[in-house]
Amino acid sequence: RLLDRIVPNIINFWESKLGWVEGEDFVKYKRPPDDWPAPFIKLDKYDKVISTSTGMAVCLVSLHVEGSANAYNAVAAIGDEVKYCDEEKIDAEVLPALRGSEKEFGHLPEYLSVWMFTDKYGPKVKWLLKKKKLMNEKAIENVYVQQMEIFRLKNEMQQFTSTATIDKYNDRIKAHQDKIDKIRKHLVYYSDMKPYENRATLGDFYFKRARRIAKSEYVFNVAFLN
């Protein structure tokens, strides 16, 4: 599923939305060109790696292949379709691989972060739904309010040309950014996405057909409407 479905969708996004070109901005499953920056922690095998021209290495692992994450030194993890995954395997095989390049990236809130995506319809998904209880609503609201202020300051700053004034704005922006980065560092965020946010991509007929083929109203509500 990873190679046949998930990766092609990711690459399609890179190409159609970001304008990336294979061979110029990224290569997959082979050693990247010698003149591209290498990852801080170098790799010998690239048969399960997508490399970018910035030096990023996206290493593919599967919980169906025992030990496939073993010996990686990664800075973050992204899991798709995690309703098929066991939390114990993630804890035992994936999380221990998050340990690389602290000197270069340790100051970033995304360092050692774990991003997980799925719909809710599946026998193994309950462990993920329980993550909602780990959210600190007060901290999340704090981050949101300060992020909105950063956006406001950046927008307001555009009207000025004075270097001194722009520097003052940048100092205020940095102060807010430093604060929320510290809060985000170990923050848990759980989101039930609104189903129709995908309408522009999927179209109205997708939801009409889904309602027709769903085995029950419950399946439709959980699997398609989230």
Protein backbone atom coordinates (compact mmCIF):
# COMPACT_ATOMS: atom_id res chain seq x y z
CA ARG A 1 0.00 0.00 0.00
CA LEU A 2 2.83 2.42 0.84
CA LEU A 3 4.59 2.09 -2.52
CA ASP A 4 1.54 1.48 -4.68
CA ARG A 5 -0.86 4.11 -3.30
CA ILE A 6 0.41 6.45 -0.61
CA VAL A 7 3.73 7.55 -2.12
CA PRO A 8 2.26 8.21 -5.60
CA ASN A 9 -0.33 10.50 -3.99
CA ILE A 10 2.38 12.40 -2.10
CA ILE A 11 4.49 12.80 -5.23
CA ASN A 12 1.45 13.92 -7.21
CA PHE A 13 0.94 16.68 -4.62
CA TRP A 14 4.59 17.73 -4.89
CA GLU A 15 4.36 17.92 -8.67
CA SER A 16 0.89 19.44 -9.12
CA LYS A 17 0.77 21.79 -6.12
CA LEU A 18 4.43 22.65 -5.46
CA GLY A 19 5.69 22.44 -9.02
CA TRP A 20 8.45 20.00 -8.12
CA VAL A 21 10.12 18.06 -10.94
CA GLU A 22 11.43 14.54 -10.52
CA GLY A 23 15.16 14.49 -11.17
CA GLU A 24 15.50 18.20 -10.33
CA ASP A 25 13.75 18.57 -6.98
CA PHE A 26 13.55 14.94 -5.85
CA VAL A 27 14.49 11.39 -6.79
CA LYS A 28 13.00 8.18 -5.47
CA TYR A 29 14.45 4.77 -4.65
CA LYS A 30 17.97 5.55 -5.87
CA ARG A 31 21.07 7.46 -4.82
CA PRO A 32 20.61 11.21 -5.36
CA PRO A 33 23.00 13.23 -7.58
CA ASP A 34 26.43 13.82 -6.05
CA ASP A 35 26.04 17.61 -6.19
CA TRP A 36 22.94 17.57 -3.96
CA PRO A 37 23.42 18.21 -0.23
CA ALA A 38 23.60 14.95 1.70
CA PRO A 39 21.56 14.29 4.87
CA PHE A 40 23.42 15.09 8.09
CA ILE A 41 23.23 11.37 8.90
CA LYS A 42 24.28 9.72 5.67
CA LEU A 43 22.64 6.67 4.12
CA ASP A 44 24.22 3.79 2.23
CA LYS A 45 21.05 2.27 0.75
CA TYR A 46 18.40 4.29 -1.05
CA ASP A 47 16.02 1.60 -2.34
CA LYS A 48 13.31 2.72 0.13
CA VAL A 49 14.21 6.43 0.26
CA ILE A 50 12.93 9.56 -1.49
CA SER A 51 15.60 12.27 -1.56
CA THR A 52 15.10 15.97 -2.16
CA SER A 53 17.52 18.51 -3.58
CA THR A 54 17.66 20.23 -0.16
CA GLY A 55 19.19 17.15 1.47
CA MET A 56 16.05 15.75 3.05
CA ALA A 57 15.65 11.99 3.04
CA VAL A 58 12.15 10.54 3.35
CA CYS A 59 12.73 6.96 4.54
CA LEU A 60 9.85 4.54 4.03
CA VAL A 61 9.07 1.99 6.73
CA SER A 62 6.28 -0.52 7.16
CA LEU A 63 5.02 -2.10 10.36
CA HIS A 64 4.24 -5.20 8.28
CA VAL A 65 7.98 -5.65 7.78
CA GLU A 66 9.54 -6.34 11.15
CA GLY A 67 12.45 -4.04 11.95
CA SER A 68 12.14 -1.88 8.82
CA ALA A 69 12.62 1.27 10.95
CA ASN A 70 15.54 -0.24 12.82
CA ALA A 71 18.82 1.75 12.78
CA TYR A 72 17.33 4.86 11.22
CA ASN A 73 18.15 8.16 12.91
CA ALA A 74 15.15 10.29 11.99
CA VAL A 75 14.04 13.76 13.03
CA ALA A 76 10.28 13.21 12.64
CA ALA A 77 7.74 10.57 11.65
CA ILE A 78 4.61 10.64 9.50
CA GLY A 79 2.15 7.77 9.60
CA ASP A 80 -0.70 7.35 7.13
CA GLU A 81 -3.66 4.96 7.41
CA VAL A 82 -2.70 4.29 11.03
CA LYS A 83 -6.04 2.57 11.66
CA TYR A 84 -4.19 -0.52 10.40
CA CYS A 85 -1.33 -0.08 12.90
CA ASP A 86 -0.74 -1.37 16.41
CA GLU A 87 0.32 1.26 18.92
CA GLU A 88 2.71 -1.24 20.52
CA LYS A 89 4.56 -1.67 17.22
CA ILE A 90 4.80 2.09 16.72
CA ASP A 91 6.19 2.48 20.23
CA ALA A 92 8.63 -0.41 19.80
CA GLU A 93 9.83 0.11 16.22
CA VAL A 94 9.18 3.68 15.06
CA LEU A 95 9.58 5.99 18.06
CA PRO A 96 13.06 4.65 18.98
CA ALA A 97 14.23 5.67 15.48
CA LEU A 98 13.48 9.34 16.26
CA ARG A 99 16.86 10.39 17.56
CA GLY A 100 18.93 12.05 14.85
CA SER A 101 20.54 15.45 14.25
CA GLU A 102 19.63 17.08 17.55
CA LYS A 103 22.48 19.56 17.15
CA GLU A 104 21.01 20.86 13.89
CA PHE A 105 17.28 20.55 14.56
CA GLY A 106 16.80 20.16 18.32
CA HIS A 107 15.67 23.77 18.75
CA LEU A 108 12.69 23.33 16.41
CA PRO A 109 9.26 22.36 17.79
CA GLU A 110 8.89 19.85 14.95
CA TYR A 111 11.97 17.93 16.09
CA LEU A 112 11.00 14.34 17.06
CA SER A 113 7.38 15.13 16.18
CA VAL A 114 4.96 12.41 15.12
CA TRP A 115 2.13 13.11 12.65
CA MET A 116 -0.59 10.49 12.22
CA PHE A 117 -3.47 10.39 9.75
CA THR A 118 -6.43 8.07 9.27
CA ASP A 119 -10.16 7.82 9.02
CA LYS A 120 -11.88 6.33 12.04
CA TYR A 121 -13.45 3.21 10.59
CA GLY A 122 -11.33 0.24 11.62
CA PRO A 123 -10.85 -2.31 14.40
CA LYS A 124 -7.49 -0.92 15.62
CA VAL A 125 -8.24 2.80 15.68
CA LYS A 126 -9.36 3.19 19.31
CA TRP A 127 -5.81 3.76 20.61
CA LEU A 128 -5.49 6.81 18.36
CA LEU A 129 -8.86 8.27 19.33
CA LYS A 130 -7.74 8.19 22.97
CA LYS A 131 -4.98 10.71 22.14
CA LYS A 132 -7.68 13.39 22.30
CA LYS A 133 -7.54 13.11 26.10
CA LEU A 134 -3.86 14.19 26.03
CA MET A 135 -4.66 17.62 24.58
CA ASN A 136 -4.01 20.68 26.71
CA GLU A 137 -6.75 22.98 25.47
CA LYS A 138 -5.37 26.01 27.29
CA ALA A 139 -1.92 25.61 25.72
CA ILE A 140 -3.42 25.07 22.26
CA GLU A 141 -5.52 28.23 22.60
CA ASN A 142 -2.38 30.12 23.68
CA VAL A 143 -0.53 28.95 20.56
CA TYR A 144 -3.48 29.84 18.33
CA VAL A 145 -3.88 33.37 19.72
CA GLN A 146 -0.17 34.15 19.44
CA GLN A 147 0.02 32.69 15.93
CA MET A 148 -2.85 34.93 14.85
CA GLU A 149 -0.95 37.89 16.31
CA ILE A 150 2.14 36.89 14.31
CA PHE A 151 0.04 36.88 11.13
CA ARG A 152 -1.40 40.28 12.04
CA LEU A 153 2.04 41.79 12.71
CA LYS A 154 3.46 40.42 9.46
CA ASN A 155 0.56 41.83 7.51
CA GLU A 156 0.76 45.22 9.25
CA MET A 157 4.51 45.38 8.71
CA GLN A 158 4.08 45.40 4.93
CA GLN A 159 3.06 49.07 4.91
CA PHE A 160 6.41 50.26 6.31
CA THR A 161 9.73 50.74 4.52
CA SER A 162 11.81 52.02 7.44
CA THR A 163 14.44 49.45 8.44
CA ALA A 164 14.18 50.49 12.09
CA THR A 165 10.40 50.01 12.12
CA ILE A 166 10.61 46.66 10.35
CA ASP A 167 13.27 45.52 12.84
CA LYS A 168 10.91 46.39 15.71
CA TYR A 169 8.15 44.35 14.12
CA ASN A 170 10.50 41.42 13.57
CA ASP A 171 11.56 41.56 17.23
CA ARG A 172 7.91 41.37 18.33
CA ILE A 173 7.25 38.53 15.89
CA LYS A 174 10.30 36.61 17.12
CA ALA A 175 9.22 37.05 20.74
CA HIS A 176 5.85 35.49 19.99
CA GLN A 177 7.45 32.75 17.87
CA ASP A 178 9.92 31.81 20.60
CA LYS A 179 7.10 31.52 23.13
CA ILE A 180 4.85 29.31 21.02
CA ASP A 181 7.75 27.15 19.83
CA LYS A 182 8.46 26.23 23.45
CA ILE A 183 4.80 25.39 24.03
CA ARG A 184 4.49 23.37 20.81
CA LYS A 185 7.62 21.36 21.53
CA HIS A 186 5.77 18.51 23.29
CA LEU A 187 2.17 19.48 22.59
CA VAL A 188 -0.44 16.93 21.55
CA TYR A 189 -3.02 18.12 19.03
CA TYR A 190 -5.97 16.01 17.94
CA SER A 191 -8.17 17.14 15.05
CA ASP A 192 -11.38 15.75 13.63
CA MET A 193 -11.25 17.29 10.18
CA LYS A 194 -14.49 18.51 8.65
CA PRO A 195 -15.37 16.00 5.90
CA TYR A 196 -16.37 18.57 3.28
CA GLU A 197 -12.98 20.30 3.40
CA ASN A 198 -12.11 17.75 0.71
CA ARG A 199 -15.09 18.66 -1.48
CA ALA A 200 -12.95 20.67 -3.95
CA THR A 201 -10.76 17.61 -4.49
CA LEU A 202 -13.31 14.80 -4.28
CA GLY A 203 -16.43 16.46 -5.72
CA ASP A 204 -20.07 16.21 -4.62
CA PHE A 205 -20.65 12.87 -6.33
CA TYR A 206 -18.05 11.20 -4.08
CA PHE A 207 -20.21 11.84 -1.01
CA LYS A 208 -23.46 10.89 -2.78
CA ARG A 209 -21.97 7.58 -3.88
CA ALA A 210 -20.42 6.99 -0.45
CA ARG A 211 -23.83 7.34 1.19
CA ARG A 212 -25.26 4.84 -1.28
CA ILE A 213 -22.56 2.19 -0.85
CA ALA A 214 -22.07 2.53 2.91
CA LYS A 215 -23.41 -0.48 4.78
CA SER A 216 -25.16 1.73 7.29
CA GLU A 217 -25.61 5.34 8.38
CA TYR A 218 -23.04 4.62 11.10
CA VAL A 219 -20.42 3.50 8.56
CA PHE A 220 -21.10 6.55 6.41
CA ASN A 221 -20.78 8.92 9.38
CA VAL A 222 -17.54 7.37 10.62
CA ALA A 223 -15.73 6.30 7.46
CA PHE A 224 -16.70 9.18 5.17
CA LEU A 225 -17.88 12.08 7.36
CA ASN A 226 -15.20 11.42 10.01
